[in-house]
Amino acid sequence: MSVTILKLRQQFKVDNPELYAFLLNDENRKLSHFIQSLWDQLCYKGKLSLPQIQGIKSAMKYAEKRTEMDELREVHKDSAVSGNYVGTLKERYDMTLKYTGTKSTTRGFYIHNFIDKFNNNLMTFAQEGHIDNMYSTNGMKLKPGECFTCRATVNRHSINEYDPTNKVKQTVINRVKYNKFLGSK
């Protein structure tokens, strides 16, 4: 390794002590090929670009949030689960649901969330961000808080632990056939 590269790397360490310590940590490099590649570049070239430095900062924030969530899960591992499951697995039911919102996943799918009249949580997966065929009487797409009737199959029962402080029983439905728009109830 040349003296110039060593000087550049030493200067990076002085200018960015937290970033350097994060890159130096073996556990961080084992969990991410991206972090390992940046460490390798720093070792062999002695410098990183501004977008790469921003990438390290984002990775540090993600690692911090992951650690916080792991700690929350550990603290609340024995917490009670609220709610009830809806229906029997693999059976089809007529349902009246309230649409509560949609969230996207990192894999390109969307999760549509609903509640029934007993406040039980239901959800379905979709490949598009809007809910197909769900329109109000004036032709507008269904908005959070609006109700409708449908026929759906209960696919599985699971526990939603996304928020470790509020674990909820959740019914996953599929083959949803939307029937009637009911409006805000």
Protein backbone atom coordinates (compact mmCIF):
# COMPACT_ATOMS: atom_id res chain seq x y z
CA MET A 1 0.00 0.00 0.00
CA SER A 2 1.40 3.37 -0.97
CA VAL A 3 2.14 6.14 1.49
CA THR A 4 -0.36 8.39 -0.32
CA ILE A 5 -3.21 5.93 0.22
CA LEU A 6 -2.28 5.58 3.90
CA LYS A 7 -2.31 9.37 4.29
CA LEU A 8 -5.67 9.65 2.53
CA ARG A 9 -7.16 6.94 4.72
CA GLN A 10 -5.73 8.56 7.87
CA GLN A 11 -7.24 11.90 6.79
CA PHE A 12 -10.63 10.22 6.25
CA LYS A 13 -10.35 8.76 9.77
CA VAL A 14 -9.62 12.22 11.22
CA ASP A 15 -12.39 13.95 9.22
CA ASN A 16 -15.03 11.24 9.78
CA PRO A 17 -14.33 9.38 13.05
CA GLU A 18 -17.87 7.92 13.43
CA LEU A 19 -17.99 6.74 9.82
CA TYR A 20 -14.54 5.22 10.08
CA ALA A 21 -15.45 3.38 13.29
CA PHE A 22 -18.64 2.08 11.65
CA LEU A 23 -16.67 0.79 8.64
CA LEU A 24 -14.00 -0.70 10.87
CA ASN A 25 -16.56 -2.79 12.81
CA ASP A 26 -16.43 -6.41 11.54
CA GLU A 27 -20.11 -7.03 12.41
CA ASN A 28 -21.28 -4.16 10.20
CA ARG A 29 -19.19 -5.44 7.29
CA LYS A 30 -20.45 -9.02 7.75
CA LEU A 31 -24.09 -7.86 7.60
CA SER A 32 -23.70 -5.74 4.45
CA HIS A 33 -21.79 -6.32 1.23
CA PHE A 34 -22.18 -2.61 0.57
CA ILE A 35 -20.35 -1.65 3.76
CA GLN A 36 -17.66 -4.26 3.04
CA SER A 37 -17.14 -2.84 -0.46
CA LEU A 38 -16.77 0.69 0.93
CA TRP A 39 -14.24 -0.53 3.50
CA ASP A 40 -12.29 -2.26 0.73
CA GLN A 41 -12.32 0.91 -1.37
CA LEU A 42 -11.14 2.98 1.58
CA CYS A 43 -8.31 0.51 2.22
CA TYR A 44 -7.15 0.35 -1.42
CA LYS A 45 -7.89 3.86 -2.68
CA GLY A 46 -7.92 5.85 0.54
CA LYS A 47 -11.05 7.85 -0.23
CA LEU A 48 -14.80 7.67 -0.77
CA SER A 49 -17.18 9.81 -2.82
CA LEU A 50 -19.87 12.01 -1.24
CA PRO A 51 -22.70 9.63 -2.29
CA GLN A 52 -20.79 6.75 -0.70
CA ILE A 53 -20.38 8.74 2.51
CA GLN A 54 -24.13 9.47 2.45
CA GLY A 55 -24.70 5.73 1.99
CA ILE A 56 -22.65 5.01 5.12
CA LYS A 57 -24.66 7.58 7.09
CA SER A 58 -27.90 5.95 5.93
CA ALA A 59 -26.58 2.52 6.87
CA MET A 60 -25.65 3.84 10.33
CA LYS A 61 -29.19 5.19 10.85
CA TYR A 62 -30.68 1.88 9.68
CA ALA A 63 -28.40 -0.09 12.04
CA GLU A 64 -29.38 2.19 14.93
CA LYS A 65 -33.11 1.75 14.23
CA ARG A 66 -32.66 -2.01 13.86
CA THR A 67 -30.94 -2.15 17.25
CA GLU A 68 -33.72 -0.09 18.85
CA MET A 69 -36.39 -2.38 17.36
CA ASP A 70 -34.53 -5.49 18.54
CA GLU A 71 -34.37 -4.03 22.05
CA LEU A 72 -38.11 -3.18 21.96
CA ARG A 73 -38.95 -6.69 20.76
CA GLU A 74 -36.92 -8.17 23.62
CA VAL A 75 -38.60 -5.94 26.23
CA HIS A 76 -42.09 -6.71 24.88
CA LYS A 77 -41.60 -10.36 23.93
CA ASP A 78 -44.14 -11.47 26.57
CA SER A 79 -46.64 -8.65 25.95
CA ALA A 80 -50.25 -9.61 25.35
CA VAL A 81 -51.57 -9.72 21.80
CA SER A 82 -54.75 -7.71 21.19
CA GLY A 83 -57.64 -8.36 18.82
CA ASN A 84 -59.23 -11.50 17.43
CA TYR A 85 -58.92 -13.55 14.29
CA VAL A 86 -61.76 -13.51 11.77
CA GLY A 87 -63.22 -16.71 10.31
CA THR A 88 -61.91 -20.20 9.64
CA LEU A 89 -58.92 -20.79 7.39
CA LYS A 90 -59.67 -21.43 3.71
CA GLU A 91 -63.37 -20.49 4.10
CA ARG A 92 -65.05 -17.70 2.12
CA TYR A 93 -67.13 -15.05 3.89
CA ASP A 94 -69.21 -12.00 3.14
CA MET A 95 -67.62 -9.10 5.02
CA THR A 96 -68.20 -5.44 5.76
CA LEU A 97 -64.83 -3.71 6.08
CA LYS A 98 -63.40 -0.25 6.58
CA TYR A 99 -60.31 0.56 4.52
CA THR A 100 -57.59 1.98 6.82
CA GLY A 101 -54.70 2.43 4.40
CA THR A 102 -52.01 0.95 2.19
CA LYS A 103 -48.29 0.46 2.80
CA SER A 104 -45.65 -0.59 0.30
CA THR A 105 -43.03 -3.26 0.92
CA THR A 106 -39.41 -3.29 -0.15
CA ARG A 107 -40.25 -6.16 -2.50
CA GLY A 108 -42.64 -4.09 -4.59
CA PHE A 109 -45.91 -5.34 -3.13
CA TYR A 110 -48.57 -3.39 -1.31
CA ILE A 111 -50.38 -4.25 1.90
CA HIS A 112 -53.98 -3.04 2.13
CA ASN A 113 -55.26 -2.84 5.70
CA PHE A 114 -58.84 -3.04 6.92
CA ILE A 115 -60.86 -3.36 10.12
CA ASP A 116 -64.24 -4.96 10.61
CA LYS A 117 -67.11 -3.72 12.79
CA PHE A 118 -65.54 -5.44 15.83
CA ASN A 119 -62.22 -3.62 15.25
CA ASN A 120 -60.44 -6.81 14.14
CA ASN A 121 -57.51 -6.25 11.77
CA LEU A 122 -57.51 -7.73 8.29
CA MET A 123 -55.12 -7.27 5.40
CA THR A 124 -54.48 -8.38 1.84
CA PHE A 125 -51.49 -8.18 -0.50
CA ALA A 126 -51.59 -6.60 -3.96
CA GLN A 127 -49.16 -5.84 -6.76
CA GLU A 128 -50.48 -2.32 -7.25
CA GLY A 129 -50.76 0.60 -4.86
CA HIS A 130 -54.44 1.28 -5.46
CA ILE A 131 -57.25 -1.09 -4.65
CA ASP A 132 -58.65 -2.42 -7.92
CA ASN A 133 -62.40 -2.07 -8.49
CA MET A 134 -62.98 -0.13 -5.25
CA TYR A 135 -64.81 3.00 -6.27
CA SER A 136 -67.28 5.17 -4.52
CA THR A 137 -70.55 6.08 -6.21
CA ASN A 138 -69.01 9.18 -7.78
CA GLY A 139 -66.18 7.20 -9.44
CA MET A 140 -63.45 8.14 -6.96
CA LYS A 141 -61.15 5.48 -5.52
CA LEU A 142 -61.71 4.27 -2.00
CA LYS A 143 -60.09 6.46 0.65
CA PRO A 144 -59.01 5.56 4.19
CA GLY A 145 -62.03 5.55 6.48
CA GLU A 146 -64.51 4.46 3.81
CA CYS A 147 -66.47 1.22 4.10
CA PHE A 148 -67.52 -1.44 1.63
CA THR A 149 -68.87 -4.98 1.45
CA CYS A 150 -66.97 -7.83 -0.11
CA ARG A 151 -66.55 -11.58 -0.29
CA ALA A 152 -63.09 -12.90 0.63
CA THR A 153 -61.25 -16.05 1.62
CA VAL A 154 -59.47 -16.25 4.97
CA ASN A 155 -55.96 -17.25 3.96
CA ARG A 156 -54.12 -17.27 7.30
CA HIS A 157 -54.02 -15.91 10.82
CA SER A 158 -50.89 -14.15 11.99
CA ILE A 159 -49.64 -11.76 14.63
CA ASN A 160 -48.55 -8.33 13.42
CA GLU A 161 -45.47 -7.44 15.47
CA TYR A 162 -44.34 -4.51 13.35
CA ASP A 163 -44.87 -2.31 16.42
CA PRO A 164 -43.56 -4.46 19.31
CA THR A 165 -45.45 -2.30 21.82
CA ASN A 166 -48.78 -3.09 20.14
CA LYS A 167 -48.96 -6.69 18.91
CA VAL A 168 -52.18 -7.39 17.04
CA LYS A 169 -53.87 -10.55 15.78
CA GLN A 170 -54.36 -10.12 12.06
CA THR A 171 -56.36 -12.07 9.49
CA VAL A 172 -54.88 -12.27 6.01
CA ILE A 173 -57.53 -12.44 3.30
CA ASN A 174 -57.26 -13.05 -0.43
CA ARG A 175 -59.47 -13.46 -3.51
CA VAL A 176 -61.34 -10.33 -2.44
CA LYS A 177 -64.46 -9.69 -4.54
CA TYR A 178 -65.64 -6.14 -3.86
CA ASN A 179 -69.41 -5.76 -3.81
CA LYS A 180 -70.78 -2.44 -2.62
CA PHE A 181 -69.41 0.92 -1.57
CA LEU A 182 -70.96 2.09 1.72
CA GLY A 183 -69.20 5.43 2.26
CA SER A 184 -67.78 6.77 5.51
CA LYS A 185 -69.37 5.12 8.52
